[in-house]
Every structure is written in structure tokens, then in C-alpha cells.
Amino acid sequence: MSAGVLCGPGTPRLAVLRALGPSLTAAGVANVVADPRIEVYLGGAKIFENDGWQASGRAAELTALGLAPGDAREPALLVPLYPGAYTVHVIGAADGNCLLEVYAVDP
């Protein structure tokens, strides 16, 4: 899955990006991406990636925000997004259903 994310002019925004796969089964979604990975690109250069939110280095902050994914295999990033156009890829070993979410979490 690929998606575009735009961050408008002004100051950088603190954002959470997460890709849900396994936790979607609780909502009745079948054929989910079992172990998704998320990659964020700006101008063709990969600037962030994650393959499991607990290894993000920001697990405590994601939990405190209430945005920690429900499964350890799901990726999540807490990152600054500067004004610009970003491309986000969600990658899995096999095709399936997933959900990409982007939250602005500025104070």
C-alpha cells in the first residue's frame, strides 16, 4: 500500500503514523497483512521506517498517547513532519488488508 501525506506550511507537526494488520482481525477483517512494515519517504529519500512499534524507541510515548497498536508486529512512528509531501509505504511479506493511520499529536 502506498499513500500520500501532505504537511502544510508553517511549523513542523508531530505525527503518529501506524499500520494496522493483525489487530484488525478483532474487527472481523479477514486476510490481513500479518507483519507489516512502514516506510516514509520525502523527495524520494527514505527518512523513517519501522517494523514493530515496540522497537520504535518511542514505545512509552505511543502508549501514553493511546496510539500504541494492539499487536507488537504492527509498526508505528512518532516523528516530526516538516512542510512537504510525503509518501508512506506499508509493506508485508504477502498481500492482504491493512489500515494506515496518520494522527497529528501536537500539544
PDB file of N, CA and C in Angstrom:
ATOM      1  N   MET A   1       0.856  -1.160   0.000  1.00  0.00           N
ATOM      2  CA  MET A   1       0.000   0.000   0.000  1.00  0.00           C
ATOM      3  C   MET A   1       0.899   1.220   0.000  1.00  0.00           C
ATOM      4  N   SER A   2       0.514   2.206  -0.788  1.00  0.00           N
ATOM      5  CA  SER A   2       1.208   3.488  -0.783  1.00  0.00           C
ATOM      6  C   SER A   2       0.180   4.589  -0.594  1.00  0.00           C
ATOM      7  N   ALA A   3       0.559   5.598   0.161  1.00  0.00           N
ATOM      8  CA  ALA A   3      -0.336   6.731   0.401  1.00  0.00           C
ATOM      9  C   ALA A   3       0.486   8.004   0.444  1.00  0.00           C
ATOM     10  N   GLY A   4      -0.163   9.107   0.125  1.00  0.00           N
ATOM     11  CA  GLY A   4       0.474  10.408   0.220  1.00  0.00           C
ATOM     12  C   GLY A   4       0.004  11.131   1.459  1.00  0.00           C
ATOM     13  N   VAL A   5       0.915  11.839   2.109  1.00  0.00           N
ATOM     14  CA  VAL A   5       0.600  12.642   3.284  1.00  0.00           C
ATOM     15  C   VAL A   5       1.182  14.029   3.045  1.00  0.00           C
ATOM     16  N   LEU A   6       0.337  15.037   3.163  1.00  0.00           N
ATOM     17  CA  LEU A   6       0.790  16.411   2.988  1.00  0.00           C
ATOM     18  C   LEU A   6       0.835  17.115   4.329  1.00  0.00           C
ATOM     19  N   CYS A   7       1.915  17.831   4.564  1.00  0.00           N
ATOM     20  CA  CYS A   7       2.035  18.667   5.755  1.00  0.00           C
ATOM     21  C   CYS A   7       2.136  20.104   5.252  1.00  0.00           C
ATOM     22  N   GLY A   8       1.155  20.914   5.628  1.00  0.00           N
ATOM     23  CA  GLY A   8       1.057  22.274   5.111  1.00  0.00           C
ATOM     24  C   GLY A   8       2.133  23.199   5.632  1.00  0.00           C
ATOM     25  N   PRO A   9       2.137  24.417   5.130  1.00  0.00           N
ATOM     26  CA  PRO A   9       3.159  25.392   5.519  1.00  0.00           C
ATOM     27  C   PRO A   9       3.057  25.747   7.004  1.00  0.00           C
ATOM     28  N   GLY A  10       4.154  26.217   7.523  1.00  0.00           N
ATOM     29  CA  GLY A  10       4.204  26.598   8.933  1.00  0.00           C
ATOM     30  C   GLY A  10       5.225  25.772   9.674  1.00  0.00           C
ATOM     31  N   THR A  11       5.013  25.626  10.953  1.00  0.00           N
ATOM     32  CA  THR A  11       5.958  24.893  11.792  1.00  0.00           C
ATOM     33  C   THR A  11       5.784  23.389  11.608  1.00  0.00           C
ATOM     34  N   PRO A  12       6.794  22.607  11.916  1.00  0.00           N
ATOM     35  CA  PRO A  12       6.679  21.149  11.822  1.00  0.00           C
ATOM     36  C   PRO A  12       5.555  20.636  12.730  1.00  0.00           C
ATOM     37  N   ARG A  13       4.961  19.530  12.315  1.00  0.00           N
ATOM     38  CA  ARG A  13       3.906  18.884  13.091  1.00  0.00           C
ATOM     39  C   ARG A  13       4.444  17.573  13.635  1.00  0.00           C
ATOM     40  N   LEU A  14       4.134  17.286  14.885  1.00  0.00           N
ATOM     41  CA  LEU A  14       4.456  15.987  15.459  1.00  0.00           C
ATOM     42  C   LEU A  14       3.323  15.049  15.080  1.00  0.00           C
ATOM     43  N   ALA A  15       3.681  13.905  14.502  1.00  0.00           N
ATOM     44  CA  ALA A  15       2.665  12.997  13.985  1.00  0.00           C
ATOM     45  C   ALA A  15       2.961  11.559  14.379  1.00  0.00           C
ATOM     46  N   VAL A  16       1.884  10.781  14.492  1.00  0.00           N
ATOM     47  CA  VAL A  16       1.985   9.337  14.656  1.00  0.00           C
ATOM     48  C   VAL A  16       1.486   8.716  13.357  1.00  0.00           C
ATOM     49  N   LEU A  17       2.292   7.834  12.791  1.00  0.00           N
ATOM     50  CA  LEU A  17       1.901   7.049  11.634  1.00  0.00           C
ATOM     51  C   LEU A  17       1.931   5.598  12.076  1.00  0.00           C
ATOM     52  N   ARG A  18       0.861   4.885  11.813  1.00  0.00           N
ATOM     53  CA  ARG A  18       0.843   3.474  12.184  1.00  0.00           C
ATOM     54  C   ARG A  18       0.120   2.664  11.128  1.00  0.00           C
ATOM     55  N   ALA A  19       0.526   1.408  10.995  1.00  0.00           N
ATOM     56  CA  ALA A  19      -0.062   0.489  10.033  1.00  0.00           C
ATOM     57  C   ALA A  19      -0.594  -0.720  10.798  1.00  0.00           C
ATOM     58  N   LEU A  20      -1.885  -0.895  10.723  1.00  0.00           N
ATOM     59  CA  LEU A  20      -2.526  -1.998  11.442  1.00  0.00           C
ATOM     60  C   LEU A  20      -2.799  -3.149  10.490  1.00  0.00           C
ATOM     61  N   GLY A  21      -2.536  -4.347  10.957  1.00  0.00           N
ATOM     62  CA  GLY A  21      -2.819  -5.568  10.204  1.00  0.00           C
ATOM     63  C   GLY A  21      -3.430  -6.592  11.140  1.00  0.00           C
ATOM     64  N   PRO A  22      -2.603  -7.257  11.958  1.00  0.00           N
ATOM     65  CA  PRO A  22      -3.113  -8.312  12.824  1.00  0.00           C
ATOM     66  C   PRO A  22      -4.232  -7.873  13.769  1.00  0.00           C
ATOM     67  N   SER A  23      -4.182  -6.673  14.293  1.00  0.00           N
ATOM     68  CA  SER A  23      -5.218  -6.253  15.240  1.00  0.00           C
ATOM     69  C   SER A  23      -6.566  -6.011  14.561  1.00  0.00           C
ATOM     70  N   LEU A  24      -6.599  -5.942  13.233  1.00  0.00           N
ATOM     71  CA  LEU A  24      -7.861  -5.761  12.519  1.00  0.00           C
ATOM     72  C   LEU A  24      -8.746  -7.000  12.581  1.00  0.00           C
ATOM     73  N   THR A  25      -8.158  -8.149  12.875  1.00  0.00           N
ATOM     74  CA  THR A  25      -8.966  -9.371  12.935  1.00  0.00           C
ATOM     75  C   THR A  25     -10.021  -9.294  14.032  1.00  0.00           C
ATOM     76  N   ALA A  26      -9.741  -8.532  15.101  1.00  0.00           N
ATOM     77  CA  ALA A  26     -10.726  -8.359  16.175  1.00  0.00           C
ATOM     78  C   ALA A  26     -11.969  -7.627  15.674  1.00  0.00           C
ATOM     79  N   ALA A  27     -11.829  -6.857  14.581  1.00  0.00           N
ATOM     80  CA  ALA A  27     -12.959  -6.134  13.993  1.00  0.00           C
ATOM     81  C   ALA A  27     -13.593  -6.933  12.858  1.00  0.00           C
ATOM     82  N   GLY A  28     -13.160  -8.174  12.691  1.00  0.00           N
ATOM     83  CA  GLY A  28     -13.749  -9.039  11.677  1.00  0.00           C
ATOM     84  C   GLY A  28     -13.125  -8.933  10.303  1.00  0.00           C
ATOM     85  N   VAL A  29     -11.981  -8.264  10.191  1.00  0.00           N
ATOM     86  CA  VAL A  29     -11.314  -8.134   8.891  1.00  0.00           C
ATOM     87  C   VAL A  29     -10.514  -9.409   8.626  1.00  0.00           C
ATOM     88  N   ALA A  30     -10.725  -9.996   7.465  1.00  0.00           N
ATOM     89  CA  ALA A  30     -10.023 -11.222   7.094  1.00  0.00           C
ATOM     90  C   ALA A  30      -8.834 -10.897   6.203  1.00  0.00           C
ATOM     91  N   ASN A  31      -7.958 -11.868   6.038  1.00  0.00           N
ATOM     92  CA  ASN A  31      -6.821 -11.763   5.124  1.00  0.00           C
ATOM     93  C   ASN A  31      -6.006 -10.492   5.372  1.00  0.00           C
ATOM     94  N   VAL A  32      -5.518 -10.333   6.598  1.00  0.00           N
ATOM     95  CA  VAL A  32      -4.744  -9.142   6.950  1.00  0.00           C
ATOM     96  C   VAL A  32      -3.259  -9.355   6.670  1.00  0.00           C
ATOM     97  N   VAL A  33      -2.530  -8.261   6.493  1.00  0.00           N
ATOM     98  CA  VAL A  33      -1.075  -8.321   6.392  1.00  0.00           C
ATOM     99  C   VAL A  33      -0.567  -8.737   7.764  1.00  0.00           C
ATOM    100  N   ALA A  34       0.095  -9.882   7.840  1.00  0.00           N
ATOM    101  CA  ALA A  34       0.453 -10.465   9.130  1.00  0.00           C
ATOM    102  C   ALA A  34       1.556  -9.717   9.867  1.00  0.00           C
ATOM    103  N   ASP A  35       2.488  -9.143   9.131  1.00  0.00           N
ATOM    104  CA  ASP A  35       3.630  -8.478   9.763  1.00  0.00           C
ATOM    105  C   ASP A  35       4.019  -7.257   8.932  1.00  0.00           C
ATOM    106  N   PRO A  36       3.237  -6.177   9.002  1.00  0.00           N
ATOM    107  CA  PRO A  36       3.510  -5.011   8.152  1.00  0.00           C
ATOM    108  C   PRO A  36       4.745  -4.238   8.592  1.00  0.00           C
ATOM    109  N   ARG A  37       5.338  -3.553   7.633  1.00  0.00           N
ATOM    110  CA  ARG A  37       6.451  -2.634   7.876  1.00  0.00           C
ATOM    111  C   ARG A  37       6.052  -1.298   7.253  1.00  0.00           C
ATOM    112  N   ILE A  38       6.455  -0.200   7.876  1.00  0.00           N
ATOM    113  CA  ILE A  38       6.108   1.123   7.362  1.00  0.00           C
ATOM    114  C   ILE A  38       7.389   1.861   6.982  1.00  0.00           C
ATOM    115  N   GLU A  39       7.345   2.536   5.830  1.00  0.00           N
ATOM    116  CA  GLU A  39       8.461   3.352   5.362  1.00  0.00           C
ATOM    117  C   GLU A  39       7.913   4.710   4.947  1.00  0.00           C
ATOM    118  N   VAL A  40       8.624   5.775   5.306  1.00  0.00           N
ATOM    119  CA  VAL A  40       8.204   7.142   4.973  1.00  0.00           C
ATOM    120  C   VAL A  40       9.294   7.773   4.116  1.00  0.00           C
ATOM    121  N   TYR A  41       8.868   8.355   2.990  1.00  0.00           N
ATOM    122  CA  TYR A  41       9.790   8.968   2.040  1.00  0.00           C
ATOM    123  C   TYR A  41       9.471  10.442   1.867  1.00  0.00           C
ATOM    124  N   LEU A  42      10.511  11.221   1.660  1.00  0.00           N
ATOM    125  CA  LEU A  42      10.377  12.633   1.326  1.00  0.00           C
ATOM    126  C   LEU A  42      11.329  12.903   0.165  1.00  0.00           C
ATOM    127  N   GLY A  43      10.772  13.335  -0.961  1.00  0.00           N
ATOM    128  CA  GLY A  43      11.603  13.606  -2.132  1.00  0.00           C
ATOM    129  C   GLY A  43      12.369  12.393  -2.623  1.00  0.00           C
ATOM    130  N   GLY A  44      11.806  11.223  -2.478  1.00  0.00           N
ATOM    131  CA  GLY A  44      12.447  10.003  -2.947  1.00  0.00           C
ATOM    132  C   GLY A  44      13.428   9.373  -1.972  1.00  0.00           C
ATOM    133  N   ALA A  45      13.708  10.041  -0.859  1.00  0.00           N
ATOM    134  CA  ALA A  45      14.641   9.503   0.139  1.00  0.00           C
ATOM    135  C   ALA A  45      13.869   8.947   1.335  1.00  0.00           C
ATOM    136  N   LYS A  46      14.222   7.729   1.748  1.00  0.00           N
ATOM    137  CA  LYS A  46      13.585   7.145   2.922  1.00  0.00           C
ATOM    138  C   LYS A  46      14.090   7.882   4.159  1.00  0.00           C
ATOM    139  N   ILE A  47      13.156   8.429   4.950  1.00  0.00           N
ATOM    140  CA  ILE A  47      13.556   9.197   6.127  1.00  0.00           C
ATOM    141  C   ILE A  47      13.164   8.522   7.447  1.00  0.00           C
ATOM    142  N   PHE A  48      12.169   7.645   7.411  1.00  0.00           N
ATOM    143  CA  PHE A  48      11.760   6.901   8.609  1.00  0.00           C
ATOM    144  C   PHE A  48      11.315   5.513   8.190  1.00  0.00           C
ATOM    145  N   GLU A  49      11.492   4.547   9.100  1.00  0.00           N
ATOM    146  CA  GLU A  49      10.946   3.209   8.896  1.00  0.00           C
ATOM    147  C   GLU A  49      10.765   2.534  10.240  1.00  0.00           C
ATOM    148  N   ASN A  50       9.847   1.571  10.270  1.00  0.00           N
ATOM    149  CA  ASN A  50       9.613   0.829  11.497  1.00  0.00           C
ATOM    150  C   ASN A  50       9.013  -0.524  11.143  1.00  0.00           C
ATOM    151  N   ASP A  51       9.415  -1.533  11.913  1.00  0.00           N
ATOM    152  CA  ASP A  51       8.924  -2.896  11.722  1.00  0.00           C
ATOM    153  C   ASP A  51       8.541  -3.477  13.076  1.00  0.00           C
ATOM    154  N   GLY A  52       7.639  -2.829  13.762  1.00  0.00           N
ATOM    155  CA  GLY A  52       7.213  -3.253  15.097  1.00  0.00           C
ATOM    156  C   GLY A  52       7.306  -2.078  16.047  1.00  0.00           C
ATOM    157  N   TRP A  53       6.175  -1.585  16.498  1.00  0.00           N
ATOM    158  CA  TRP A  53       6.125  -0.321  17.231  1.00  0.00           C
ATOM    159  C   TRP A  53       6.941  -0.326  18.518  1.00  0.00           C
ATOM    160  N   GLN A  54       7.113  -1.482  19.146  1.00  0.00           N
ATOM    161  CA  GLN A  54       7.865  -1.508  20.402  1.00  0.00           C
ATOM    162  C   GLN A  54       9.350  -1.267  20.189  1.00  0.00           C
ATOM    163  N   ALA A  55       9.819  -1.424  18.953  1.00  0.00           N
ATOM    164  CA  ALA A  55      11.219  -1.169  18.623  1.00  0.00           C
ATOM    165  C   ALA A  55      11.414   0.235  18.068  1.00  0.00           C
ATOM    166  N   SER A  56      10.398   1.082  18.168  1.00  0.00           N
ATOM    167  CA  SER A  56      10.478   2.417  17.587  1.00  0.00           C
ATOM    168  C   SER A  56      11.345   3.377  18.391  1.00  0.00           C
ATOM    169  N   GLY A  57      11.656   3.003  19.630  1.00  0.00           N
ATOM    170  CA  GLY A  57      12.378   3.913  20.507  1.00  0.00           C
ATOM    171  C   GLY A  57      11.454   4.913  21.178  1.00  0.00           C
ATOM    172  N   ARG A  58      10.174   4.857  20.840  1.00  0.00           N
ATOM    173  CA  ARG A  58       9.198   5.804  21.393  1.00  0.00           C
ATOM    174  C   ARG A  58       7.957   5.064  21.891  1.00  0.00           C
ATOM    175  N   ALA A  59       8.138   3.810  22.280  1.00  0.00           N
ATOM    176  CA  ALA A  59       7.014   2.982  22.711  1.00  0.00           C
ATOM    177  C   ALA A  59       6.270   3.589  23.901  1.00  0.00           C
ATOM    178  N   ALA A  60       7.000   4.132  24.860  1.00  0.00           N
ATOM    179  CA  ALA A  60       6.343   4.723  26.044  1.00  0.00           C
ATOM    180  C   ALA A  60       5.480   5.916  25.638  1.00  0.00           C
ATOM    181  N   GLU A  61       5.974   6.730  24.699  1.00  0.00           N
ATOM    182  CA  GLU A  61       5.201   7.892  24.253  1.00  0.00           C
ATOM    183  C   GLU A  61       3.970   7.473  23.452  1.00  0.00           C
ATOM    184  N   LEU A  62       4.118   6.461  22.593  1.00  0.00           N
ATOM    185  CA  LEU A  62       2.968   5.962  21.844  1.00  0.00           C
ATOM    186  C   LEU A  62       1.900   5.421  22.783  1.00  0.00           C
ATOM    187  N   THR A  63       2.334   4.719  23.822  1.00  0.00           N
ATOM    188  CA  THR A  63       1.398   4.182  24.811  1.00  0.00           C
ATOM    189  C   THR A  63       0.714   5.311  25.561  1.00  0.00           C
ATOM    190  N   ALA A  64       1.466   6.310  26.000  1.00  0.00           N
ATOM    191  CA  ALA A  64       0.892   7.438  26.739  1.00  0.00           C
ATOM    192  C   ALA A  64      -0.115   8.218  25.894  1.00  0.00           C
ATOM    193  N   LEU A  65       0.107   8.284  24.585  1.00  0.00           N
ATOM    194  CA  LEU A  65      -0.814   8.967  23.687  1.00  0.00           C
ATOM    195  C   LEU A  65      -2.066   8.130  23.389  1.00  0.00           C
ATOM    196  N   GLY A  66      -2.042   6.867  23.794  1.00  0.00           N
ATOM    197  CA  GLY A  66      -3.155   5.976  23.489  1.00  0.00           C
ATOM    198  C   GLY A  66      -3.152   5.512  22.042  1.00  0.00           C
ATOM    199  N   LEU A  67      -1.986   5.584  21.386  1.00  0.00           N
ATOM    200  CA  LEU A  67      -1.889   5.234  19.973  1.00  0.00           C
ATOM    201  C   LEU A  67      -0.960   4.043  19.718  1.00  0.00           C
ATOM    202  N   ALA A  68      -0.645   3.290  20.745  1.00  0.00           N
ATOM    203  CA  ALA A  68       0.153   2.086  20.553  1.00  0.00           C
ATOM    204  C   ALA A  68      -0.720   1.043  19.852  1.00  0.00           C
ATOM    205  N   PRO A  69      -0.235   0.440  18.768  1.00  0.00           N
ATOM    206  CA  PRO A  69      -1.016  -0.600  18.101  1.00  0.00           C
ATOM    207  C   PRO A  69      -1.314  -1.768  19.038  1.00  0.00           C
ATOM    208  N   GLY A  70      -2.337  -2.527  18.682  1.00  0.00           N
ATOM    209  CA  GLY A  70      -2.762  -3.650  19.523  1.00  0.00           C
ATOM    210  C   GLY A  70      -1.929  -4.895  19.372  1.00  0.00           C
ATOM    211  N   ASP A  71      -1.012  -4.925  18.423  1.00  0.00           N
ATOM    212  CA  ASP A  71      -0.186  -6.107  18.186  1.00  0.00           C
ATOM    213  C   ASP A  71       1.267  -5.656  18.028  1.00  0.00           C
ATOM    214  N   ALA A  72       2.180  -6.373  18.639  1.00  0.00           N
ATOM    215  CA  ALA A  72       3.602  -5.998  18.618  1.00  0.00           C
ATOM    216  C   ALA A  72       4.200  -6.028  17.213  1.00  0.00           C
ATOM    217  N   ARG A  73       3.583  -6.763  16.293  1.00  0.00           N
ATOM    218  CA  ARG A  73       4.104  -6.836  14.920  1.00  0.00           C
ATOM    219  C   ARG A  73       3.747  -5.612  14.086  1.00  0.00           C
ATOM    220  N   GLU A  74       2.850  -4.779  14.580  1.00  0.00           N
ATOM    221  CA  GLU A  74       2.400  -3.621  13.818  1.00  0.00           C
ATOM    222  C   GLU A  74       3.338  -2.435  14.057  1.00  0.00           C
ATOM    223  N   PRO A  75       3.694  -1.726  12.987  1.00  0.00           N
ATOM    224  CA  PRO A  75       4.614  -0.601  13.128  1.00  0.00           C
ATOM    225  C   PRO A  75       3.901   0.694  13.494  1.00  0.00           C
ATOM    226  N   ALA A  76       4.627   1.550  14.189  1.00  0.00           N
ATOM    227  CA  ALA A  76       4.152   2.900  14.490  1.00  0.00           C
ATOM    228  C   ALA A  76       5.360   3.797  14.672  1.00  0.00           C
ATOM    229  N   LEU A  77       5.219   5.023  14.216  1.00  0.00           N
ATOM    230  CA  LEU A  77       6.268   6.028  14.324  1.00  0.00           C
ATOM    231  C   LEU A  77       5.706   7.278  14.970  1.00  0.00           C
ATOM    232  N   LEU A  78       6.476   7.905  15.822  1.00  0.00           N
ATOM    233  CA  LEU A  78       6.174   9.230  16.365  1.00  0.00           C
ATOM    234  C   LEU A  78       7.291  10.125  15.858  1.00  0.00           C
ATOM    235  N   VAL A  79       6.968  10.974  14.869  1.00  0.00           N
ATOM    236  CA  VAL A  79       8.003  11.712  14.150  1.00  0.00           C
ATOM    237  C   VAL A  79       7.563  13.138  13.848  1.00  0.00           C
ATOM    238  N   PRO A  80       8.526  14.041  13.667  1.00  0.00           N
ATOM    239  CA  PRO A  80       8.184  15.393  13.202  1.00  0.00           C
ATOM    240  C   PRO A  80       8.013  15.374  11.681  1.00  0.00           C
ATOM    241  N   LEU A  81       6.960  16.005  11.207  1.00  0.00           N
ATOM    242  CA  LEU A  81       6.766  16.162   9.771  1.00  0.00           C
ATOM    243  C   LEU A  81       6.871  17.647   9.447  1.00  0.00           C
ATOM    244  N   TYR A  82       7.831  17.973   8.629  1.00  0.00           N
ATOM    245  CA  TYR A  82       8.036  19.347   8.188  1.00  0.00           C
ATOM    246  C   TYR A  82       7.153  19.597   6.971  1.00  0.00           C
ATOM    247  N   PRO A  83       6.884  20.845   6.630  1.00  0.00           N
ATOM    248  CA  PRO A  83       6.056  21.107   5.459  1.00  0.00           C
ATOM    249  C   PRO A  83       6.604  20.381   4.232  1.00  0.00           C
ATOM    250  N   GLY A  84       5.717  19.680   3.538  1.00  0.00           N
ATOM    251  CA  GLY A  84       6.118  18.944   2.351  1.00  0.00           C
ATOM    252  C   GLY A  84       5.160  17.818   2.044  1.00  0.00           C
ATOM    253  N   ALA A  85       5.489  17.098   0.978  1.00  0.00           N
ATOM    254  CA  ALA A  85       4.691  15.961   0.526  1.00  0.00           C
ATOM    255  C   ALA A  85       5.463  14.679   0.804  1.00  0.00           C
ATOM    256  N   TYR A  86       4.862  13.796   1.561  1.00  0.00           N
ATOM    257  CA  TYR A  86       5.478  12.540   1.964  1.00  0.00           C
ATOM    258  C   TYR A  86       4.776  11.380   1.273  1.00  0.00           C
ATOM    259  N   THR A  87       5.519  10.316   1.037  1.00  0.00           N
ATOM    260  CA  THR A  87       4.950   9.063   0.551  1.00  0.00           C
ATOM    261  C   THR A  87       5.168   8.029   1.642  1.00  0.00           C
ATOM    262  N   VAL A  88       4.110   7.316   1.974  1.00  0.00           N
ATOM    263  CA  VAL A  88       4.179   6.288   3.017  1.00  0.00           C
ATOM    264  C   VAL A  88       3.875   4.943   2.372  1.00  0.00           C
ATOM    265  N   HIS A  89       4.764   3.978   2.588  1.00  0.00           N
ATOM    266  CA  HIS A  89       4.567   2.617   2.084  1.00  0.00           C
ATOM    267  C   HIS A  89       4.336   1.688   3.264  1.00  0.00           C
ATOM    268  N   VAL A  90       3.339   0.829   3.120  1.00  0.00           N
ATOM    269  CA  VAL A  90       3.130  -0.270   4.062  1.00  0.00           C
ATOM    270  C   VAL A  90       3.449  -1.539   3.294  1.00  0.00           C
ATOM    271  N   ILE A  91       4.398  -2.305   3.825  1.00  0.00           N
ATOM    272  CA  ILE A  91       4.925  -3.458   3.113  1.00  0.00           C
ATOM    273  C   ILE A  91       4.736  -4.696   3.981  1.00  0.00           C
ATOM    274  N   GLY A  92       4.328  -5.788   3.345  1.00  0.00           N
ATOM    275  CA  GLY A  92       4.191  -7.069   4.030  1.00  0.00           C
ATOM    276  C   GLY A  92       4.768  -8.172   3.175  1.00  0.00           C
ATOM    277  N   ALA A  93       5.004  -9.320   3.792  1.00  0.00           N
ATOM    278  CA  ALA A  93       5.563 -10.452   3.056  1.00  0.00           C
ATOM    279  C   ALA A  93       4.556 -11.005   2.047  1.00  0.00           C
ATOM    280  N   ALA A  94       3.271 -10.793   2.304  1.00  0.00           N
ATOM    281  CA  ALA A  94       2.213 -11.256   1.397  1.00  0.00           C
ATOM    282  C   ALA A  94       1.140 -10.181   1.326  1.00  0.00           C
ATOM    283  N   ASP A  95       0.358 -10.208   0.271  1.00  0.00           N
ATOM    284  CA  ASP A  95      -0.742  -9.265   0.128  1.00  0.00           C
ATOM    285  C   ASP A  95      -1.795  -9.518   1.202  1.00  0.00           C
ATOM    286  N   GLY A  96      -2.517  -8.478   1.534  1.00  0.00           N
ATOM    287  CA  GLY A  96      -3.597  -8.603   2.499  1.00  0.00           C
ATOM    288  C   GLY A  96      -4.137  -7.236   2.835  1.00  0.00           C
ATOM    289  N   ASN A  97      -5.063  -7.207   3.756  1.00  0.00           N
ATOM    290  CA  ASN A  97      -5.694  -5.969   4.183  1.00  0.00           C
ATOM    291  C   ASN A  97      -4.901  -5.323   5.310  1.00  0.00           C
ATOM    292  N   CYS A  98      -4.827  -4.003   5.270  1.00  0.00           N
ATOM    293  CA  CYS A  98      -4.188  -3.250   6.347  1.00  0.00           C
ATOM    294  C   CYS A  98      -4.809  -1.860   6.385  1.00  0.00           C
ATOM    295  N   LEU A  99      -4.527  -1.151   7.444  1.00  0.00           N
ATOM    296  CA  LEU A  99      -5.051   0.197   7.635  1.00  0.00           C
ATOM    297  C   LEU A  99      -3.890   1.106   8.005  1.00  0.00           C
ATOM    298  N   LEU A 100      -3.684   2.161   7.225  1.00  0.00           N
ATOM    299  CA  LEU A 100      -2.672   3.163   7.525  1.00  0.00           C
ATOM    300  C   LEU A 100      -3.362   4.340   8.182  1.00  0.00           C
ATOM    301  N   GLU A 101      -2.855   4.761   9.334  1.00  0.00           N
ATOM    302  CA  GLU A 101      -3.426   5.890  10.064  1.00  0.00           C
ATOM    303  C   GLU A 101      -2.362   6.945  10.298  1.00  0.00           C
ATOM    304  N   VAL A 102      -2.754   8.213  10.215  1.00  0.00           N
ATOM    305  CA  VAL A 102      -1.858   9.329  10.470  1.00  0.00           C
ATOM    306  C   VAL A 102      -2.581  10.272  11.433  1.00  0.00           C
ATOM    307  N   TYR A 103      -1.935  10.581  12.555  1.00  0.00           N
ATOM    308  CA  TYR A 103      -2.509  11.448  13.574  1.00  0.00           C
ATOM    309  C   TYR A 103      -1.563  12.614  13.830  1.00  0.00           C
ATOM    310  N   ALA A 104      -2.077  13.826  13.850  1.00  0.00           N
ATOM    311  CA  ALA A 104      -1.311  14.980  14.328  1.00  0.00           C
ATOM    312  C   ALA A 104      -1.458  14.994  15.839  1.00  0.00           C
ATOM    313  N   VAL A 105      -0.347  15.037  16.560  1.00  0.00           N
ATOM    314  CA  VAL A 105      -0.389  14.965  18.027  1.00  0.00           C
ATOM    315  C   VAL A 105       0.306  16.139  18.683  1.00  0.00           C
ATOM    316  N   ASP A 106       0.344  17.275  17.986  1.00  0.00           N
ATOM    317  CA  ASP A 106       0.954  18.458  18.561  1.00  0.00           C
ATOM    318  C   ASP A 106       0.225  18.841  19.848  1.00  0.00           C
ATOM    319  N   PRO A 107       0.975  19.397  20.808  1.00  0.00           N
ATOM    320  CA  PRO A 107       0.309  19.848  22.043  1.00  0.00           C
ATOM    321  C   PRO A 107      -0.630  21.007  21.778  1.00  0.00           C
TER     322      PRO A 107
END
